[in-house]
C-alpha cells in the first residue's frame, strides 16, 4: 500500500526529472536564447526545492547529491 505522502513525493520527483530533461534539451539547441535557458533552470530550481521540501516534510533525508544540485542550480538561476 502506497501512502499519500509517498505518492505526492513520486509526483514531485517526476517534476524534477522533467525539469532536468528540459534543461538538457534547451542546452542542446544552438539557437537557444539565454532567457530560455534561464527559464528552464529556474523551473528546475523550483522542482528541486519542492522535492526537497517534500522529503523533509516526510522526515526523509535529503541526499547530498540532491542538495549539491540544488545549490548549484540556485547559483546559476538568474531569476530574482
PDB file of N, CA and C in Angstrom:
ATOM      1  N   UNK A   1       0.845  -1.183   0.000  1.00  0.00           N
ATOM      2  CA  UNK A   1       0.000   0.000   0.000  1.00  0.00           C
ATOM      3  C   UNK A   1       0.892   1.248   0.000  1.00  0.00           C
ATOM      4  N   UNK A   2       0.610   2.194  -0.886  1.00  0.00           N
ATOM      5  CA  UNK A   2       1.379   3.423  -1.014  1.00  0.00           C
ATOM      6  C   UNK A   2       0.660   4.539  -0.265  1.00  0.00           C
ATOM      7  N   UNK A   3       1.411   5.227   0.610  1.00  0.00           N
ATOM      8  CA  UNK A   3       0.830   6.336   1.356  1.00  0.00           C
ATOM      9  C   UNK A   3       0.674   7.557   0.458  1.00  0.00           C
ATOM     10  N   UNK A   4      -0.229   8.440   0.824  1.00  0.00           N
ATOM     11  CA  UNK A   4      -0.472   9.649   0.035  1.00  0.00           C
ATOM     12  C   UNK A   4       0.783  10.507  -0.050  1.00  0.00           C
ATOM     13  N   UNK A   5       1.547  10.601   1.032  1.00  0.00           N
ATOM     14  CA  UNK A   5       2.776  11.399   1.031  1.00  0.00           C
ATOM     15  C   UNK A   5       3.798  10.845   0.066  1.00  0.00           C
ATOM     16  N   UNK A   6       3.891   9.514  -0.013  1.00  0.00           N
ATOM     17  CA  UNK A   6       4.832   8.889  -0.934  1.00  0.00           C
ATOM     18  C   UNK A   6       4.402   9.106  -2.377  1.00  0.00           C
ATOM     19  N   UNK A   7       3.087   9.074  -2.622  1.00  0.00           N
ATOM     20  CA  UNK A   7       2.582   9.322  -3.969  1.00  0.00           C
ATOM     21  C   UNK A   7       2.897  10.753  -4.390  1.00  0.00           C
ATOM     22  N   UNK A   8       2.668  11.685  -3.488  1.00  0.00           N
ATOM     23  CA  UNK A   8       2.979  13.085  -3.796  1.00  0.00           C
ATOM     24  C   UNK A   8       4.474  13.252  -4.019  1.00  0.00           C
ATOM     25  N   UNK A   9       5.283  12.534  -3.243  1.00  0.00           N
ATOM     26  CA  UNK A   9       6.726  12.602  -3.382  1.00  0.00           C
ATOM     27  C   UNK A   9       7.163  12.080  -4.747  1.00  0.00           C
ATOM     28  N   UNK A  10       6.540  11.007  -5.208  1.00  0.00           N
ATOM     29  CA  UNK A  10       6.894  10.475  -6.530  1.00  0.00           C
ATOM     30  C   UNK A  10       6.484  11.457  -7.628  1.00  0.00           C
ATOM     31  N   UNK A  11       5.387  12.159  -7.438  1.00  0.00           N
ATOM     32  CA  UNK A  11       4.981  13.193  -8.395  1.00  0.00           C
ATOM     33  C   UNK A  11       5.999  14.327  -8.423  1.00  0.00           C
ATOM     34  N   UNK A  12       6.466  14.725  -7.249  1.00  0.00           N
ATOM     35  CA  UNK A  12       7.463  15.794  -7.168  1.00  0.00           C
ATOM     36  C   UNK A  12       8.773  15.366  -7.810  1.00  0.00           C
ATOM     37  N   UNK A  13       9.155  14.107  -7.605  1.00  0.00           N
ATOM     38  CA  UNK A  13      10.382  13.627  -8.241  1.00  0.00           C
ATOM     39  C   UNK A  13      10.213  13.586  -9.759  1.00  0.00           C
ATOM     40  N   UNK A  14       9.018  13.226 -10.229  1.00  0.00           N
ATOM     41  CA  UNK A  14       8.735  13.256 -11.666  1.00  0.00           C
ATOM     42  C   UNK A  14       8.898  14.658 -12.227  1.00  0.00           C
ATOM     43  N   UNK A  15       8.500  15.664 -11.457  1.00  0.00           N
ATOM     44  CA  UNK A  15       8.686  17.055 -11.881  1.00  0.00           C
ATOM     45  C   UNK A  15      10.168  17.399 -11.995  1.00  0.00           C
ATOM     46  N   UNK A  16      10.980  16.892 -11.074  1.00  0.00           N
ATOM     47  CA  UNK A  16      12.432  17.127 -11.120  1.00  0.00           C
ATOM     48  C   UNK A  16      13.014  16.507 -12.378  1.00  0.00           C
ATOM     49  N   UNK A  17      12.636  15.274 -12.660  1.00  0.00           N
ATOM     50  CA  UNK A  17      13.155  14.578 -13.844  1.00  0.00           C
ATOM     51  C   UNK A  17      12.773  15.327 -15.113  1.00  0.00           C
ATOM     52  N   UNK A  18      11.522  15.766 -15.208  1.00  0.00           N
ATOM     53  CA  UNK A  18      11.078  16.511 -16.391  1.00  0.00           C
ATOM     54  C   UNK A  18      11.819  17.840 -16.520  1.00  0.00           C
ATOM     55  N   UNK A  19      12.012  18.538 -15.411  1.00  0.00           N
ATOM     56  CA  UNK A  19      12.723  19.820 -15.444  1.00  0.00           C
ATOM     57  C   UNK A  19      14.180  19.628 -15.857  1.00  0.00           C
ATOM     58  N   UNK A  20      14.796  18.559 -15.379  1.00  0.00           N
ATOM     59  CA  UNK A  20      16.177  18.264 -15.799  1.00  0.00           C
ATOM     60  C   UNK A  20      16.228  18.014 -17.303  1.00  0.00           C
ATOM     61  N   UNK A  21      15.259  17.259 -17.806  1.00  0.00           N
ATOM     62  CA  UNK A  21      15.213  16.964 -19.243  1.00  0.00           C
ATOM     63  C   UNK A  21      15.063  18.233 -20.071  1.00  0.00           C
ATOM     64  N   UNK A  22      14.244  19.159 -19.605  1.00  0.00           N
ATOM     65  CA  UNK A  22      14.046  20.415 -20.324  1.00  0.00           C
ATOM     66  C   UNK A  22      15.356  21.201 -20.378  1.00  0.00           C
ATOM     67  N   UNK A  23      16.075  21.258 -19.267  1.00  0.00           N
ATOM     68  CA  UNK A  23      17.354  21.978 -19.251  1.00  0.00           C
ATOM     69  C   UNK A  23      18.315  21.347 -20.256  1.00  0.00           C
ATOM     70  N   UNK A  24      18.380  20.029 -20.267  1.00  0.00           N
ATOM     71  CA  UNK A  24      19.274  19.340 -21.207  1.00  0.00           C
ATOM     72  C   UNK A  24      18.875  19.642 -22.645  1.00  0.00           C
ATOM     73  N   UNK A  25      17.582  19.570 -22.953  1.00  0.00           N
ATOM     74  CA  UNK A  25      17.112  19.837 -24.331  1.00  0.00           C
ATOM     75  C   UNK A  25      17.407  21.272 -24.737  1.00  0.00           C
ATOM     76  N   UNK A  26      17.155  22.214 -23.848  1.00  0.00           N
ATOM     77  CA  UNK A  26      17.379  23.628 -24.169  1.00  0.00           C
ATOM     78  C   UNK A  26      18.870  23.881 -24.399  1.00  0.00           C
ATOM     79  N   UNK A  27      19.720  23.260 -23.602  1.00  0.00           N
ATOM     80  CA  UNK A  27      21.168  23.453 -23.755  1.00  0.00           C
ATOM     81  C   UNK A  27      21.685  22.880 -25.074  1.00  0.00           C
ATOM     82  N   UNK A  28      21.018  21.869 -25.610  1.00  0.00           N
ATOM     83  CA  UNK A  28      21.466  21.228 -26.849  1.00  0.00           C
ATOM     84  C   UNK A  28      21.120  22.037 -28.095  1.00  0.00           C
ATOM     85  N   UNK A  29      20.139  22.912 -27.975  1.00  0.00           N
ATOM     86  CA  UNK A  29      19.711  23.717 -29.119  1.00  0.00           C
ATOM     87  C   UNK A  29      20.669  24.903 -29.255  1.00  0.00           C
ATOM     88  N   UNK A  30      21.318  24.999 -30.395  1.00  0.00           N
ATOM     89  CA  UNK A  30      22.333  26.034 -30.597  1.00  0.00           C
ATOM     90  C   UNK A  30      21.757  27.449 -30.643  1.00  0.00           C
ATOM     91  N   UNK A  31      20.528  27.589 -31.068  1.00  0.00           N
ATOM     92  CA  UNK A  31      19.934  28.921 -31.203  1.00  0.00           C
ATOM     93  C   UNK A  31      19.081  29.302 -29.988  1.00  0.00           C
ATOM     94  N   UNK A  32      19.277  28.613 -28.887  1.00  0.00           N
ATOM     95  CA  UNK A  32      18.511  28.891 -27.676  1.00  0.00           C
ATOM     96  C   UNK A  32      18.895  30.254 -27.113  1.00  0.00           C
ATOM     97  N   UNK A  33      17.898  31.002 -26.727  1.00  0.00           N
ATOM     98  CA  UNK A  33      18.189  32.293 -26.098  1.00  0.00           C
ATOM     99  C   UNK A  33      18.598  32.076 -24.647  1.00  0.00           C
ATOM    100  N   UNK A  34      19.326  33.024 -24.148  1.00  0.00           N
ATOM    101  CA  UNK A  34      19.750  32.967 -22.746  1.00  0.00           C
ATOM    102  C   UNK A  34      18.530  32.934 -21.823  1.00  0.00           C
ATOM    103  N   UNK A  35      17.485  33.627 -22.217  1.00  0.00           N
ATOM    104  CA  UNK A  35      16.262  33.662 -21.417  1.00  0.00           C
ATOM    105  C   UNK A  35      15.617  32.279 -21.337  1.00  0.00           C
ATOM    106  N   UNK A  36      15.623  31.540 -22.453  1.00  0.00           N
ATOM    107  CA  UNK A  36      15.038  30.194 -22.446  1.00  0.00           C
ATOM    108  C   UNK A  36      15.777  29.280 -21.480  1.00  0.00           C
ATOM    109  N   UNK A  37      17.103  29.350 -21.509  1.00  0.00           N
ATOM    110  CA  UNK A  37      17.898  28.533 -20.599  1.00  0.00           C
ATOM    111  C   UNK A  37      17.682  28.985 -19.154  1.00  0.00           C
ATOM    112  N   UNK A  38      17.605  30.281 -18.951  1.00  0.00           N
ATOM    113  CA  UNK A  38      17.349  30.803 -17.606  1.00  0.00           C
ATOM    114  C   UNK A  38      16.001  30.348 -17.069  1.00  0.00           C
ATOM    115  N   UNK A  39      14.992  30.361 -17.922  1.00  0.00           N
ATOM    116  CA  UNK A  39      13.656  29.898 -17.512  1.00  0.00           C
ATOM    117  C   UNK A  39      13.673  28.414 -17.167  1.00  0.00           C
ATOM    118  N   UNK A  40      14.359  27.621 -17.991  1.00  0.00           N
ATOM    119  CA  UNK A  40      14.438  26.182 -17.742  1.00  0.00           C
ATOM    120  C   UNK A  40      15.156  25.903 -16.431  1.00  0.00           C
ATOM    121  N   UNK A  41      16.242  26.617 -16.192  1.00  0.00           N
ATOM    122  CA  UNK A  41      16.982  26.429 -14.935  1.00  0.00           C
ATOM    123  C   UNK A  41      16.149  26.854 -13.729  1.00  0.00           C
ATOM    124  N   UNK A  42      15.397  27.946 -13.877  1.00  0.00           N
ATOM    125  CA  UNK A  42      14.548  28.407 -12.779  1.00  0.00           C
ATOM    126  C   UNK A  42      13.483  27.357 -12.451  1.00  0.00           C
ATOM    127  N   UNK A  43      12.884  26.767 -13.472  1.00  0.00           N
ATOM    128  CA  UNK A  43      11.885  25.714 -13.248  1.00  0.00           C
ATOM    129  C   UNK A  43      12.515  24.513 -12.543  1.00  0.00           C
ATOM    130  N   UNK A  44      13.763  24.209 -12.889  1.00  0.00           N
ATOM    131  CA  UNK A  44      14.465  23.116 -12.222  1.00  0.00           C
ATOM    132  C   UNK A  44      14.692  23.452 -10.746  1.00  0.00           C
ATOM    133  N   UNK A  45      15.074  24.678 -10.452  1.00  0.00           N
ATOM    134  CA  UNK A  45      15.253  25.091  -9.054  1.00  0.00           C
ATOM    135  C   UNK A  45      13.940  24.918  -8.289  1.00  0.00           C
ATOM    136  N   UNK A  46      12.847  25.356  -8.879  1.00  0.00           N
ATOM    137  CA  UNK A  46      11.548  25.232  -8.213  1.00  0.00           C
ATOM    138  C   UNK A  46      11.190  23.772  -7.963  1.00  0.00           C
ATOM    139  N   UNK A  47      11.450  22.913  -8.948  1.00  0.00           N
ATOM    140  CA  UNK A  47      11.145  21.487  -8.802  1.00  0.00           C
ATOM    141  C   UNK A  47      12.029  20.852  -7.730  1.00  0.00           C
ATOM    142  N   UNK A  48      13.304  21.193  -7.720  1.00  0.00           N
ATOM    143  CA  UNK A  48      14.213  20.650  -6.709  1.00  0.00           C
ATOM    144  C   UNK A  48      13.815  21.117  -5.307  1.00  0.00           C
ATOM    145  N   UNK A  49      13.438  22.375  -5.187  1.00  0.00           N
ATOM    146  CA  UNK A  49      13.014  22.904  -3.886  1.00  0.00           C
ATOM    147  C   UNK A  49      11.751  22.196  -3.397  1.00  0.00           C
ATOM    148  N   UNK A  50      10.810  21.982  -4.291  1.00  0.00           N
ATOM    149  CA  UNK A  50       9.567  21.306  -3.905  1.00  0.00           C
ATOM    150  C   UNK A  50       9.841  19.868  -3.472  1.00  0.00           C
ATOM    151  N   UNK A  51      10.717  19.183  -4.202  1.00  0.00           N
ATOM    152  CA  UNK A  51      11.031  17.794  -3.858  1.00  0.00           C
ATOM    153  C   UNK A  51      11.763  17.711  -2.519  1.00  0.00           C
ATOM    154  N   UNK A  52      12.756  18.570  -2.303  1.00  0.00           N
ATOM    155  CA  UNK A  52      13.470  18.526  -1.022  1.00  0.00           C
ATOM    156  C   UNK A  52      12.540  18.889   0.135  1.00  0.00           C
ATOM    157  N   UNK A  53      11.628  19.806  -0.091  1.00  0.00           N
ATOM    158  CA  UNK A  53      10.640  20.147   0.946  1.00  0.00           C
ATOM    159  C   UNK A  53       9.747  18.950   1.250  1.00  0.00           C
ATOM    160  N   UNK A  54       9.365  18.233   0.196  1.00  0.00           N
ATOM    161  CA  UNK A  54       8.550  17.030   0.379  1.00  0.00           C
ATOM    162  C   UNK A  54       9.279  15.963   1.176  1.00  0.00           C
ATOM    163  N   UNK A  55      10.553  15.769   0.869  1.00  0.00           N
ATOM    164  CA  UNK A  55      11.356  14.808   1.631  1.00  0.00           C
ATOM    165  C   UNK A  55      11.429  15.206   3.103  1.00  0.00           C
ATOM    166  N   UNK A  56      11.716  16.471   3.348  1.00  0.00           N
ATOM    167  CA  UNK A  56      11.840  16.960   4.725  1.00  0.00           C
ATOM    168  C   UNK A  56      10.515  16.861   5.466  1.00  0.00           C
ATOM    169  N   UNK A  57       9.423  17.149   4.782  1.00  0.00           N
ATOM    170  CA  UNK A  57       8.100  17.080   5.398  1.00  0.00           C
ATOM    171  C   UNK A  57       7.779  15.659   5.865  1.00  0.00           C
ATOM    172  N   UNK A  58       8.259  14.661   5.119  1.00  0.00           N
ATOM    173  CA  UNK A  58       8.028  13.260   5.478  1.00  0.00           C
ATOM    174  C   UNK A  58       9.107  12.704   6.403  1.00  0.00           C
ATOM    175  N   UNK A  59      10.050  13.562   6.796  1.00  0.00           N
ATOM    176  CA  UNK A  59      11.103  13.125   7.689  1.00  0.00           C
ATOM    177  C   UNK A  59      12.164  12.278   7.014  1.00  0.00           C
ATOM    178  N   UNK A  60      12.243  12.384   5.704  1.00  0.00           N
ATOM    179  CA  UNK A  60      13.239  11.629   4.940  1.00  0.00           C
ATOM    180  C   UNK A  60      14.496  12.466   4.764  1.00  0.00           C
ATOM    181  N   UNK A  61      15.648  11.818   4.705  1.00  0.00           N
ATOM    182  CA  UNK A  61      16.884  12.576   4.470  1.00  0.00           C
ATOM    183  C   UNK A  61      16.961  13.074   3.029  1.00  0.00           C
ATOM    184  N   UNK A  62      17.569  14.218   2.853  1.00  0.00           N
ATOM    185  CA  UNK A  62      17.805  14.760   1.511  1.00  0.00           C
ATOM    186  C   UNK A  62      19.211  14.311   1.104  1.00  0.00           C
ATOM    187  N   UNK A  63      19.320  13.525   0.028  1.00  0.00           N
ATOM    188  CA  UNK A  63      20.641  13.044  -0.385  1.00  0.00           C
ATOM    189  C   UNK A  63      21.596  14.209  -0.675  1.00  0.00           C
ATOM    190  N   UNK A  64      22.873  13.977  -0.345  1.00  0.00           N
ATOM    191  CA  UNK A  64      23.884  15.016  -0.564  1.00  0.00           C
ATOM    192  C   UNK A  64      23.917  15.468  -2.019  1.00  0.00           C
ATOM    193  N   UNK A  65      23.809  14.529  -2.948  1.00  0.00           N
ATOM    194  CA  UNK A  65      23.865  14.889  -4.372  1.00  0.00           C
ATOM    195  C   UNK A  65      22.720  15.833  -4.738  1.00  0.00           C
ATOM    196  N   UNK A  66      21.551  15.608  -4.155  1.00  0.00           N
ATOM    197  CA  UNK A  66      20.401  16.470  -4.430  1.00  0.00           C
ATOM    198  C   UNK A  66      20.626  17.860  -3.840  1.00  0.00           C
ATOM    199  N   UNK A  67      21.169  17.917  -2.630  1.00  0.00           N
ATOM    200  CA  UNK A  67      21.477  19.221  -2.018  1.00  0.00           C
ATOM    201  C   UNK A  67      22.500  19.980  -2.854  1.00  0.00           C
ATOM    202  N   UNK A  68      23.524  19.237  -3.316  1.00  0.00           N
ATOM    203  CA  UNK A  68      24.554  19.870  -4.141  1.00  0.00           C
ATOM    204  C   UNK A  68      23.976  20.387  -5.455  1.00  0.00           C
ATOM    205  N   UNK A  69      23.106  19.583  -6.075  1.00  0.00           N
ATOM    206  CA  UNK A  69      22.481  20.012  -7.332  1.00  0.00           C
ATOM    207  C   UNK A  69      21.637  21.260  -7.105  1.00  0.00           C
ATOM    208  N   UNK A  70      20.890  21.275  -6.032  1.00  0.00           N
ATOM    209  CA  UNK A  70      20.056  22.448  -5.733  1.00  0.00           C
ATOM    210  C   UNK A  70      20.927  23.681  -5.505  1.00  0.00           C
ATOM    211  N   UNK A  71      21.991  23.530  -4.767  1.00  0.00           N
ATOM    212  CA  UNK A  71      22.903  24.659  -4.521  1.00  0.00           C
ATOM    213  C   UNK A  71      23.479  25.180  -5.837  1.00  0.00           C
ATOM    214  N   UNK A  72      23.916  24.260  -6.701  1.00  0.00           N
ATOM    215  CA  UNK A  72      24.480  24.648  -7.992  1.00  0.00           C
ATOM    216  C   UNK A  72      23.436  25.351  -8.847  1.00  0.00           C
ATOM    217  N   UNK A  73      22.248  24.775  -8.959  1.00  0.00           N
ATOM    218  CA  UNK A  73      21.215  25.372  -9.798  1.00  0.00           C
ATOM    219  C   UNK A  73      20.761  26.722  -9.265  1.00  0.00           C
ATOM    220  N   UNK A  74      20.731  26.871  -7.954  1.00  0.00           N
ATOM    221  CA  UNK A  74      20.392  28.188  -7.382  1.00  0.00           C
ATOM    222  C   UNK A  74      21.436  29.223  -7.782  1.00  0.00           C
ATOM    223  N   UNK A  75      22.708  28.808  -7.778  1.00  0.00           N
ATOM    224  CA  UNK A  75      23.762  29.756  -8.127  1.00  0.00           C
ATOM    225  C   UNK A  75      23.705  30.154  -9.611  1.00  0.00           C
ATOM    226  N   UNK A  76      23.137  29.291 -10.442  1.00  0.00           N
ATOM    227  CA  UNK A  76      23.018  29.577 -11.880  1.00  0.00           C
ATOM    228  C   UNK A  76      21.710  30.271 -12.230  1.00  0.00           C
ATOM    229  N   UNK A  77      20.788  30.299 -11.291  1.00  0.00           N
ATOM    230  CA  UNK A  77      19.453  30.857 -11.537  1.00  0.00           C
ATOM    231  C   UNK A  77      19.521  32.372 -11.616  1.00  0.00           C
ATOM    232  N   UNK A  78      19.108  32.912 -12.755  1.00  0.00           N
ATOM    233  CA  UNK A  78      19.118  34.360 -12.976  1.00  0.00           C
ATOM    234  C   UNK A  78      17.861  35.049 -12.477  1.00  0.00           C
ATOM    235  N   UNK A  79      16.850  34.269 -12.115  1.00  0.00           N
ATOM    236  CA  UNK A  79      15.571  34.858 -11.710  1.00  0.00           C
ATOM    237  C   UNK A  79      15.720  35.589 -10.380  1.00  0.00           C
ATOM    238  N   UNK A  80      15.010  36.683 -10.231  1.00  0.00           N
ATOM    239  CA  UNK A  80      15.080  37.468  -8.976  1.00  0.00           C
ATOM    240  C   UNK A  80      14.431  36.728  -7.818  1.00  0.00           C
TER     241      UNK A  80
END
